[in-house]
């Protein structure tokens, strides 16, 4: 078959190809393979010659009846159809691993039209599938299914926040975002800007807490040359830079009183004056402010102007702290792990049940920012596929019972709750299953499994406790 010109140069021709090539005879016995194919599946070429092609373990090969209807005989689908075009399939490597490939094949015929064999080309899809996975990860990160405009959450409080954001975005009225440090106030500002009619114009950001009063005034309103020492040229301020767009004033509660008066004037008059100049400059800006402070209390204490407060507080958006949305913690953990995995390339896929229960029980005083820091640390110390309790830094768990559970998990002891401990916690909680689960630092489903394992009945009275409670199932 390989006599003549082609036969002499067979290896030279096909060994320059990056795709795999395999030739089989009419009985599907391997006659020849090129170097690329052998390297893909980890065999020596000499070990493949003479073997049935089934040694490749292709999951897309389908047997059919041999033409002519010979009883009991089977034939490769290729010899029935005559061609295979761009079929994705998996091959079995010598080491038992799986190789994802794209296969093209055609039969070979002699001068009389009789089928004598077939040739297949095999394209390794490993790099392509890795790129597809990266694209899927990026799509999830940019637009998570359980979230809104890149903000993760599906708790009732977050769904209400998303709806308010959507409605506020189409307005030109000032917006103020309230939330503890680390709740994602800047993410909300970004989302409101993207959804609004000013999205084609800039979103300019200023951290009011990071600048002194003099610098803040220059940053917001700009200055003219010679206005103060070091002002060597005219400089446009953030209000002018945000003209016809949005201006995000982060930590508005830290603005000094003298500056608050000037901000109030800008909101009222829609114009600014550069430092060192008395010429008014008109600006068309929607202000989006944010703070972790209680501005009403600051007004009562004389630390924040009441008239400025009412100017800013037209559309208030309140971000709940993480401790008030525990149902969102698994979603956030998954999202953060995907983000860190994309950045580091480290193959960590999730967390163990015990680690998740510990994180669900944590009050998270630093909110989402603290959760991100905890998982960043875990990625450094974890060398396994799942993050376990021992990979987490010390967490501020809320009460002794939860801390006991966490210490037990960190010590690597079996994740069993003793019957005596279970009964004591049930008595302490008054037989309320949700409260008992909280005290133990576990989910209600896990609690139900423990009750079943230890034979504790939630009938009219809990065994050995005398605590009255109605019977209930795992979702009770």
Protein backbone atom coordinates (compact mmCIF):
# COMPACT_ATOMS: atom_id res chain seq x y z
CA UNK A 1 0.00 0.00 0.00
CA UNK A 2 2.84 2.37 0.79
CA UNK A 3 5.05 1.44 -2.13
CA UNK A 4 6.44 4.04 -4.48
CA UNK A 5 6.95 7.75 -4.01
CA UNK A 6 4.47 8.21 -1.14
CA UNK A 7 5.82 5.22 0.72
CA UNK A 8 9.39 6.54 0.66
CA UNK A 9 8.44 9.89 2.14
CA UNK A 10 5.54 8.86 4.42
CA UNK A 11 7.26 9.48 7.74
CA UNK A 12 8.88 12.72 6.64
CA UNK A 13 5.56 14.13 5.45
CA UNK A 14 3.29 13.18 8.31
CA UNK A 15 5.82 13.67 11.09
CA UNK A 16 5.93 17.39 10.29
CA UNK A 17 2.20 17.61 11.15
CA UNK A 18 1.05 18.78 14.57
CA UNK A 19 -2.20 16.83 14.19
CA UNK A 20 -2.20 13.10 14.76
CA UNK A 21 -2.52 10.76 11.74
CA UNK A 22 -3.49 7.10 11.87
CA UNK A 23 -3.97 4.61 9.02
CA UNK A 24 -5.91 1.36 9.50
CA UNK A 25 -6.66 -1.55 7.18
CA UNK A 26 -10.07 -2.97 6.31
CA UNK A 27 -10.13 -4.89 9.61
CA UNK A 28 -9.39 -1.74 11.66
CA UNK A 29 -5.85 -2.88 12.40
CA UNK A 30 -3.36 -0.03 12.79
CA UNK A 31 -0.88 0.13 9.92
CA UNK A 32 0.83 3.43 10.68
CA UNK A 33 0.73 6.43 13.02
CA UNK A 34 2.70 9.64 13.02
CA UNK A 35 4.81 11.05 15.83
CA UNK A 36 2.15 13.57 16.95
CA UNK A 37 -0.48 10.86 17.50
CA UNK A 38 1.91 8.68 19.49
CA UNK A 39 2.88 11.63 21.71
CA UNK A 40 -0.76 12.58 22.27
CA UNK A 41 -1.72 9.21 23.70
CA UNK A 42 1.63 8.29 25.27
CA UNK A 43 2.47 5.15 23.24
CA UNK A 44 5.55 4.21 21.28
CA UNK A 45 4.69 3.97 17.60
CA UNK A 46 6.00 0.42 17.37
CA UNK A 47 3.65 -0.62 20.17
CA UNK A 48 0.63 0.58 18.19
CA UNK A 49 1.42 -1.01 14.83
CA UNK A 50 -0.61 -4.19 14.40
CA UNK A 51 -3.00 -3.36 17.23
CA UNK A 52 -6.76 -3.00 16.64
CA UNK A 53 -7.75 0.68 16.62
CA UNK A 54 -9.95 -0.07 19.65
CA UNK A 55 -6.75 0.36 21.69
CA UNK A 56 -7.37 4.12 21.37
CA UNK A 57 -10.65 3.77 23.28
CA UNK A 58 -12.50 6.35 21.19
CA UNK A 59 -15.90 6.98 22.80
CA UNK A 60 -17.46 8.05 19.48
CA UNK A 61 -16.74 4.88 17.50
CA UNK A 62 -19.98 3.11 16.59
CA UNK A 63 -20.24 -0.38 15.14
CA UNK A 64 -22.72 -1.13 12.38
CA UNK A 65 -23.75 -4.14 10.34
CA UNK A 66 -21.24 -5.18 7.73
CA UNK A 67 -22.50 -4.44 4.26
CA UNK A 68 -23.85 -7.59 2.74
CA UNK A 69 -25.66 -8.49 5.94
CA UNK A 70 -23.19 -11.12 7.13
CA UNK A 71 -24.73 -12.66 10.26
CA UNK A 72 -23.19 -11.54 13.53
CA UNK A 73 -20.49 -9.48 11.87
CA UNK A 74 -19.86 -5.88 12.94
CA UNK A 75 -18.19 -3.07 11.11
CA UNK A 76 -16.82 0.36 12.03
CA UNK A 77 -19.26 3.15 11.26
CA UNK A 78 -16.58 4.77 9.12
CA UNK A 79 -16.63 1.86 6.66
CA UNK A 80 -20.41 2.18 6.45
CA UNK A 81 -20.67 5.96 5.99
CA UNK A 82 -17.34 6.44 4.22
CA UNK A 83 -16.43 9.64 6.09
CA UNK A 84 -16.32 11.28 9.55
CA UNK A 85 -16.22 15.08 9.67
CA UNK A 86 -15.26 17.21 12.67
CA UNK A 87 -16.46 14.82 15.33
CA UNK A 88 -15.54 15.66 18.91
CA UNK A 89 -14.63 12.61 20.93
CA UNK A 90 -12.36 11.35 23.70
CA UNK A 91 -9.42 8.98 23.38
CA UNK A 92 -7.90 6.88 26.14
CA UNK A 93 -4.25 7.59 26.86
CA UNK A 94 -1.82 4.85 27.84
CA UNK A 95 -1.71 6.19 31.41
CA UNK A 96 -5.52 5.91 31.65
CA UNK A 97 -6.14 9.59 31.20
CA UNK A 98 -8.58 11.12 28.74
CA UNK A 99 -7.70 13.18 25.69
CA UNK A 100 -10.35 15.41 24.06
CA UNK A 101 -9.88 15.52 20.30
CA UNK A 102 -11.51 16.45 17.01
CA UNK A 103 -11.58 13.62 14.48
CA UNK A 104 -11.80 13.66 10.68
CA UNK A 105 -11.65 10.40 8.73
CA UNK A 106 -12.16 8.93 5.26
CA UNK A 107 -11.93 5.46 3.71
CA UNK A 108 -9.18 4.48 1.27
CA UNK A 109 -10.04 2.54 -1.90
CA UNK A 110 -8.00 0.63 -4.45
CA UNK A 111 -8.08 1.04 -8.22
CA UNK A 112 -11.19 -1.15 -8.45
CA UNK A 113 -13.17 0.89 -5.87
CA UNK A 114 -12.85 -1.67 -3.09
CA UNK A 115 -12.30 -0.33 0.42
CA UNK A 116 -8.84 -1.25 1.69
CA UNK A 117 -8.54 0.89 4.79
CA UNK A 118 -9.03 4.33 6.26
CA UNK A 119 -7.07 7.37 7.37
CA UNK A 120 -7.92 9.56 10.36
CA UNK A 121 -6.57 12.93 11.48
CA UNK A 122 -6.74 13.74 15.19
CA UNK A 123 -6.62 17.32 16.54
CA UNK A 124 -5.84 17.78 20.23
CA UNK A 125 -8.50 20.07 21.75
CA UNK A 126 -6.84 20.49 25.15
CA UNK A 127 -5.81 24.12 24.60
CA UNK A 128 -9.17 24.95 22.98
CA UNK A 129 -11.15 23.46 25.86
CA UNK A 130 -9.00 25.34 28.36
CA UNK A 131 -9.80 28.57 26.50
CA UNK A 132 -13.51 27.67 26.48
CA UNK A 133 -13.36 27.08 30.23
CA UNK A 134 -11.64 30.44 30.73
CA UNK A 135 -14.35 32.13 28.66
CA UNK A 136 -17.09 30.44 30.71
CA UNK A 137 -15.36 31.52 33.91
CA UNK A 138 -15.05 35.10 32.67
CA UNK A 139 -18.72 35.19 31.64
CA UNK A 140 -19.68 33.95 35.09
CA UNK A 141 -17.47 36.51 36.81
CA UNK A 142 -18.69 39.41 34.68
CA UNK A 143 -22.34 38.43 34.79
CA UNK A 144 -23.00 35.83 37.51
CA UNK A 145 -26.31 33.99 37.25
CA UNK A 146 -27.04 34.61 40.93
CA UNK A 147 -26.56 38.34 40.86
CA UNK A 148 -27.06 41.64 39.11
CA UNK A 149 -24.55 43.71 37.14
CA UNK A 150 -21.64 41.75 38.60
CA UNK A 151 -22.94 41.96 42.20
CA UNK A 152 -23.53 38.49 43.66
CA UNK A 153 -26.62 37.77 45.73
CA UNK A 154 -30.10 36.29 45.65
CA UNK A 155 -31.31 36.91 49.20
CA UNK A 156 -34.52 38.91 49.53
CA UNK A 157 -32.65 41.96 50.80
CA UNK A 158 -30.29 41.93 47.82
CA UNK A 159 -33.09 41.34 45.30
CA UNK A 160 -34.85 44.42 46.71
CA UNK A 161 -31.59 46.36 46.44
CA UNK A 162 -31.14 45.32 42.81
CA UNK A 163 -34.64 46.51 41.96
CA UNK A 164 -34.01 49.88 43.62
CA UNK A 165 -30.70 50.22 41.75
CA UNK A 166 -32.43 49.53 38.44
CA UNK A 167 -35.06 52.20 39.12
CA UNK A 168 -32.61 54.74 40.54
CA UNK A 169 -30.30 54.46 37.54
CA UNK A 170 -32.76 56.12 35.14
CA UNK A 171 -33.14 59.15 37.42
CA UNK A 172 -30.90 62.22 37.55
CA UNK A 173 -31.59 62.73 41.26
CA UNK A 174 -28.70 62.39 43.74
CA UNK A 175 -28.16 58.88 45.10
CA UNK A 176 -26.55 57.95 48.39
CA UNK A 177 -25.38 54.43 49.17
CA UNK A 178 -25.28 53.38 52.83
CA UNK A 179 -23.34 50.34 53.95
CA UNK A 180 -20.67 49.08 56.29
CA UNK A 181 -17.08 48.94 55.08
CA UNK A 182 -16.59 46.07 52.65
CA UNK A 183 -20.20 45.68 51.53
CA UNK A 184 -19.53 46.78 47.94
CA UNK A 185 -20.73 50.38 47.76
CA UNK A 186 -18.43 51.19 44.85
CA UNK A 187 -19.78 48.19 42.91
CA UNK A 188 -23.28 49.62 43.32
CA UNK A 189 -22.10 53.02 42.06
CA UNK A 190 -20.52 51.37 39.02
CA UNK A 191 -23.70 49.43 38.28
CA UNK A 192 -25.96 52.48 38.63
CA UNK A 193 -23.72 54.40 36.24
CA UNK A 194 -23.71 51.60 33.65
CA UNK A 195 -27.51 51.32 33.76
CA UNK A 196 -28.20 55.06 33.54
CA UNK A 197 -28.53 57.39 30.58
CA UNK A 198 -25.15 58.94 31.50
CA UNK A 199 -23.30 55.66 30.90
CA UNK A 200 -21.64 57.01 27.74
CA UNK A 201 -20.08 59.78 29.81
CA UNK A 202 -17.46 59.28 32.54
CA UNK A 203 -17.93 58.02 36.08
CA UNK A 204 -15.41 60.06 38.09
CA UNK A 205 -14.52 58.84 41.59
CA UNK A 206 -13.23 60.72 44.63
CA UNK A 207 -12.34 59.26 48.03
CA UNK A 208 -13.30 62.09 50.39
CA UNK A 209 -11.61 60.43 53.36
CA UNK A 210 -8.21 60.25 51.67
CA UNK A 211 -7.68 64.01 51.14
CA UNK A 212 -7.19 67.00 53.38
CA UNK A 213 -9.67 69.88 53.12
CA UNK A 214 -7.34 71.95 50.90
CA UNK A 215 -6.52 69.09 48.57
CA UNK A 216 -10.16 67.97 48.45
CA UNK A 217 -11.31 71.42 47.31
CA UNK A 218 -8.72 71.46 44.54
CA UNK A 219 -9.60 67.90 43.51
CA UNK A 220 -13.32 68.63 43.33
CA UNK A 221 -13.36 72.12 41.84
CA UNK A 222 -9.94 72.49 40.22
CA UNK A 223 -7.64 75.52 40.53
CA UNK A 224 -5.99 78.20 38.45
CA UNK A 225 -2.28 78.84 38.12
CA UNK A 226 -0.85 80.56 41.19
CA UNK A 227 -3.87 79.82 43.41
CA UNK A 228 -1.53 78.34 46.03
CA UNK A 229 2.06 77.22 46.38
CA UNK A 230 2.76 74.53 43.81
CA UNK A 231 -0.17 75.46 41.53
CA UNK A 232 2.01 75.91 38.45
CA UNK A 233 -0.80 75.56 35.91
CA UNK A 234 -4.56 75.53 35.61
CA UNK A 235 -6.13 72.26 36.63
CA UNK A 236 -9.63 70.96 35.91
CA UNK A 237 -11.45 69.49 38.92
CA UNK A 238 -13.46 66.27 39.22
CA UNK A 239 -16.80 68.05 38.80
CA UNK A 240 -15.72 69.39 35.41
CA UNK A 241 -14.24 66.04 34.44
CA UNK A 242 -17.60 64.39 35.22
CA UNK A 243 -19.62 66.91 33.17
CA UNK A 244 -22.73 65.17 31.80
CA UNK A 245 -21.68 62.04 33.65
CA UNK A 246 -21.67 60.81 37.24
CA UNK A 247 -19.47 61.82 40.18
CA UNK A 248 -18.95 59.22 42.91
CA UNK A 249 -18.15 60.81 46.29
CA UNK A 250 -17.00 57.92 48.47
CA UNK A 251 -17.10 58.38 52.26
CA UNK A 252 -19.09 61.61 52.05
CA UNK A 253 -19.45 61.52 55.84
CA UNK A 254 -15.75 62.42 56.19
CA UNK A 255 -16.05 65.74 54.34
CA UNK A 256 -15.18 68.73 56.62
CA UNK A 257 -18.00 71.15 57.46
CA UNK A 258 -16.45 74.02 55.48
CA UNK A 259 -16.34 71.85 52.38
CA UNK A 260 -19.91 70.69 52.97
CA UNK A 261 -21.11 74.28 52.43
CA UNK A 262 -19.37 74.43 49.05
CA UNK A 263 -20.78 71.06 48.03
CA UNK A 264 -24.27 72.24 48.94
CA UNK A 265 -23.87 75.28 46.72
CA UNK A 266 -22.80 73.11 43.77
CA UNK A 267 -25.84 70.87 44.20
CA UNK A 268 -28.13 73.89 44.38
CA UNK A 269 -26.61 76.15 41.70
CA UNK A 270 -25.19 73.51 39.32
CA UNK A 271 -21.95 75.45 39.03
CA UNK A 272 -18.50 75.47 40.59
CA UNK A 273 -15.72 77.96 41.16
CA UNK A 274 -12.11 76.90 40.74
CA UNK A 275 -9.74 77.62 43.61
CA UNK A 276 -8.20 81.06 43.04
CA UNK A 277 -10.94 82.18 40.66
CA UNK A 278 -14.38 83.70 41.15
CA UNK A 279 -15.75 82.89 37.72
CA UNK A 280 -18.62 80.35 37.94
CA UNK A 281 -18.36 77.29 35.70
CA UNK A 282 -21.64 75.45 34.95
CA UNK A 283 -21.58 71.66 35.45
CA UNK A 284 -24.15 68.97 34.71
CA UNK A 285 -23.32 66.15 37.09
CA UNK A 286 -25.31 63.52 38.94
CA UNK A 287 -23.81 62.92 42.37
CA UNK A 288 -23.62 59.38 43.73
CA UNK A 289 -22.41 59.49 47.32
CA UNK A 290 -21.53 56.66 49.70
CA UNK A 291 -20.82 56.36 53.40
CA UNK A 292 -20.54 53.83 56.20
CA UNK A 293 -21.55 56.47 58.75
CA UNK A 294 -24.93 57.31 60.24
CA UNK A 295 -25.47 60.73 58.68
CA UNK A 296 -28.69 61.40 60.64
CA UNK A 297 -26.82 60.94 63.91
CA UNK A 298 -24.03 63.16 62.61
CA UNK A 299 -26.61 65.85 61.80
CA UNK A 300 -27.93 65.72 65.35
CA UNK A 301 -24.38 66.03 66.67
CA UNK A 302 -23.64 69.00 64.37
CA UNK A 303 -20.96 67.14 62.40
CA UNK A 304 -22.89 67.02 59.14
CA UNK A 305 -25.05 69.76 57.64
CA UNK A 306 -28.73 68.87 57.66
CA UNK A 307 -29.42 70.82 54.45
CA UNK A 308 -26.67 68.90 52.61
CA UNK A 309 -28.02 65.65 54.01
CA UNK A 310 -31.45 66.28 52.49
CA UNK A 311 -29.86 67.29 49.19
CA UNK A 312 -27.95 64.01 49.01
CA UNK A 313 -30.53 61.71 50.55
CA UNK A 314 -32.99 61.83 47.65
CA UNK A 315 -32.58 58.15 46.64
CA UNK A 316 -31.02 56.18 49.51
CA UNK A 317 -29.76 52.67 48.74
CA UNK A 318 -28.90 50.56 51.77
CA UNK A 319 -26.54 47.61 51.37
CA UNK A 320 -27.14 44.91 54.01
CA UNK A 321 -24.06 43.62 55.86
CA UNK A 322 -22.99 40.08 55.08
CA UNK A 323 -24.18 38.75 58.45
CA UNK A 324 -27.75 39.66 57.43
CA UNK A 325 -27.57 37.68 54.18
CA UNK A 326 -26.07 34.28 55.12
CA UNK A 327 -27.83 32.60 52.19
CA UNK A 328 -25.54 34.54 49.87
CA UNK A 329 -22.31 33.29 51.46
CA UNK A 330 -22.05 30.06 49.39
CA UNK A 331 -22.65 32.09 46.21
CA UNK A 332 -20.01 34.63 47.19
CA UNK A 333 -17.51 31.91 48.14
CA UNK A 334 -17.97 30.25 44.75
CA UNK A 335 -17.63 33.58 42.94
CA UNK A 336 -14.47 34.59 44.83
CA UNK A 337 -12.87 31.16 44.33
CA UNK A 338 -13.51 31.39 40.59
CA UNK A 339 -11.95 34.86 40.54
CA UNK A 340 -8.82 33.83 42.44
CA UNK A 341 -8.48 30.62 40.43
CA UNK A 342 -8.59 32.58 37.18
CA UNK A 343 -5.86 34.92 38.46
CA UNK A 344 -3.56 32.33 40.05
CA UNK A 345 -4.18 29.25 37.90
CA UNK A 346 -4.34 27.16 41.08
CA UNK A 347 -6.82 24.28 40.74
CA UNK A 348 -8.91 24.83 43.87
CA UNK A 349 -12.55 24.04 43.10
CA UNK A 350 -14.42 24.82 46.30
CA UNK A 351 -14.61 24.33 50.08
CA UNK A 352 -15.52 21.41 52.30
CA UNK A 353 -18.84 21.25 54.13
CA UNK A 354 -17.21 22.03 57.48
CA UNK A 355 -15.38 25.05 56.08
CA UNK A 356 -18.60 26.36 54.54
CA UNK A 357 -20.46 25.92 57.86
CA UNK A 358 -17.75 27.89 59.65
CA UNK A 359 -17.96 30.70 57.12
CA UNK A 360 -21.77 30.71 57.26
CA UNK A 361 -21.59 31.09 61.06
CA UNK A 362 -19.07 33.96 60.97
CA UNK A 363 -20.50 37.51 61.52
CA UNK A 364 -18.00 38.98 59.00
CA UNK A 365 -17.35 42.41 60.52
CA UNK A 366 -15.31 43.23 57.42
CA UNK A 367 -18.10 41.95 55.16
CA UNK A 368 -17.29 40.83 51.59
CA UNK A 369 -13.83 42.39 51.69
CA UNK A 370 -12.99 40.24 54.72
CA UNK A 371 -14.41 37.13 53.02
CA UNK A 372 -12.20 37.79 50.00
CA UNK A 373 -9.12 38.18 52.24
CA UNK A 374 -9.91 34.89 54.03
CA UNK A 375 -10.13 33.01 50.72
CA UNK A 376 -6.99 34.70 49.40
CA UNK A 377 -5.16 33.33 52.46
CA UNK A 378 -6.71 29.89 51.97
CA UNK A 379 -5.49 29.79 48.36
CA UNK A 380 -1.94 30.34 49.58
CA UNK A 381 -1.91 27.56 52.20
CA UNK A 382 -4.23 25.00 50.56
CA UNK A 383 -2.52 22.43 48.34
CA UNK A 384 -5.64 20.36 47.75
CA UNK A 385 -8.73 20.66 45.55
CA UNK A 386 -11.02 21.75 48.40
CA UNK A 387 -10.40 24.35 51.09
CA UNK A 388 -10.83 22.79 54.54
CA UNK A 389 -11.13 24.42 58.00
CA UNK A 390 -7.39 24.10 58.64
CA UNK A 391 -6.74 26.30 55.60
CA UNK A 392 -8.80 29.20 56.96
CA UNK A 393 -7.34 31.90 59.20
CA UNK A 394 -8.87 32.45 62.62
CA UNK A 395 -12.47 33.59 62.13
CA UNK A 396 -14.43 35.73 64.64
CA UNK A 397 -17.15 33.15 65.36
CA UNK A 398 -20.10 34.52 67.33
CA UNK A 399 -20.48 32.30 70.40
CA UNK A 400 -18.76 29.51 72.37
CA UNK A 401 -20.76 26.70 70.76
CA UNK A 402 -19.78 27.73 67.27
CA UNK A 403 -16.18 28.29 68.34
CA UNK A 404 -16.14 24.77 69.81
CA UNK A 405 -17.36 23.34 66.51
CA UNK A 406 -14.73 25.34 64.62
CA UNK A 407 -11.91 24.22 66.92
CA UNK A 408 -12.98 20.60 66.49
CA UNK A 409 -13.00 21.01 62.71
CA UNK A 410 -9.61 22.75 62.69
CA UNK A 411 -8.15 19.91 64.77
CA UNK A 412 -9.17 17.48 62.05
CA UNK A 413 -11.34 15.35 64.35
CA UNK A 414 -14.34 13.59 62.82
CA UNK A 415 -17.21 15.95 62.04
CA UNK A 416 -19.52 14.22 64.52
CA UNK A 417 -21.58 15.96 67.17
CA UNK A 418 -21.96 13.84 70.31
CA UNK A 419 -25.47 12.95 71.45
CA UNK A 420 -24.94 14.64 74.83
CA UNK A 421 -23.82 17.85 73.17
CA UNK A 422 -26.74 17.70 70.75
CA UNK A 423 -29.29 17.26 73.54
CA UNK A 424 -27.74 20.07 75.57
CA UNK A 425 -27.91 22.49 72.62
CA UNK A 426 -31.51 21.47 71.89
CA UNK A 427 -32.39 22.24 75.50
CA UNK A 428 -30.50 25.54 75.35
CA UNK A 429 -32.39 26.52 72.18
CA UNK A 430 -35.76 25.59 73.64
CA UNK A 431 -36.13 22.85 71.05
CA UNK A 432 -36.03 25.34 68.17
CA UNK A 433 -34.21 23.61 65.35
CA UNK A 434 -33.03 26.75 63.56
CA UNK A 435 -31.54 28.16 66.77
CA UNK A 436 -29.90 24.82 67.59
CA UNK A 437 -28.30 24.69 64.14
CA UNK A 438 -26.99 28.24 64.63
CA UNK A 439 -25.47 27.36 68.00
CA UNK A 440 -23.76 24.31 66.54
CA UNK A 441 -22.55 26.23 63.50
CA UNK A 442 -24.18 23.82 61.04
CA UNK A 443 -27.05 23.90 58.57
CA UNK A 444 -30.56 22.77 59.46
CA UNK A 445 -30.25 19.81 57.09
CA UNK A 446 -27.04 18.72 58.86
CA UNK A 447 -28.82 19.05 62.20
CA UNK A 448 -31.65 16.85 60.93
CA UNK A 449 -29.12 14.19 59.89
CA UNK A 450 -27.51 14.31 63.35
CA UNK A 451 -30.90 13.89 65.02
CA UNK A 452 -31.59 10.88 62.84
CA UNK A 453 -28.12 9.38 63.41
CA UNK A 454 -28.37 9.64 67.20
CA UNK A 455 -31.99 8.57 67.34
CA UNK A 456 -33.18 11.83 68.90
CA UNK A 457 -36.90 12.24 68.42
CA UNK A 458 -38.42 15.65 67.86
CA UNK A 459 -41.80 14.34 69.02
CA UNK A 460 -43.77 16.20 71.65
CA UNK A 461 -40.70 15.95 73.92
CA UNK A 462 -37.02 15.67 73.07
CA UNK A 463 -35.38 12.57 74.54
CA UNK A 464 -33.71 13.18 77.92
CA UNK A 465 -34.46 16.88 77.93
CA UNK A 466 -38.14 17.42 78.57
CA UNK A 467 -38.12 20.24 75.99
CA UNK A 468 -41.46 20.42 74.24
CA UNK A 469 -41.37 20.97 70.52
CA UNK A 470 -43.65 19.98 67.64
CA UNK A 471 -42.50 17.27 65.27
CA UNK A 472 -40.86 18.56 62.11
CA UNK A 473 -38.95 17.25 59.08
CA UNK A 474 -35.59 18.35 57.70
CA UNK A 475 -37.03 21.57 56.29
CA UNK A 476 -38.92 22.47 59.46
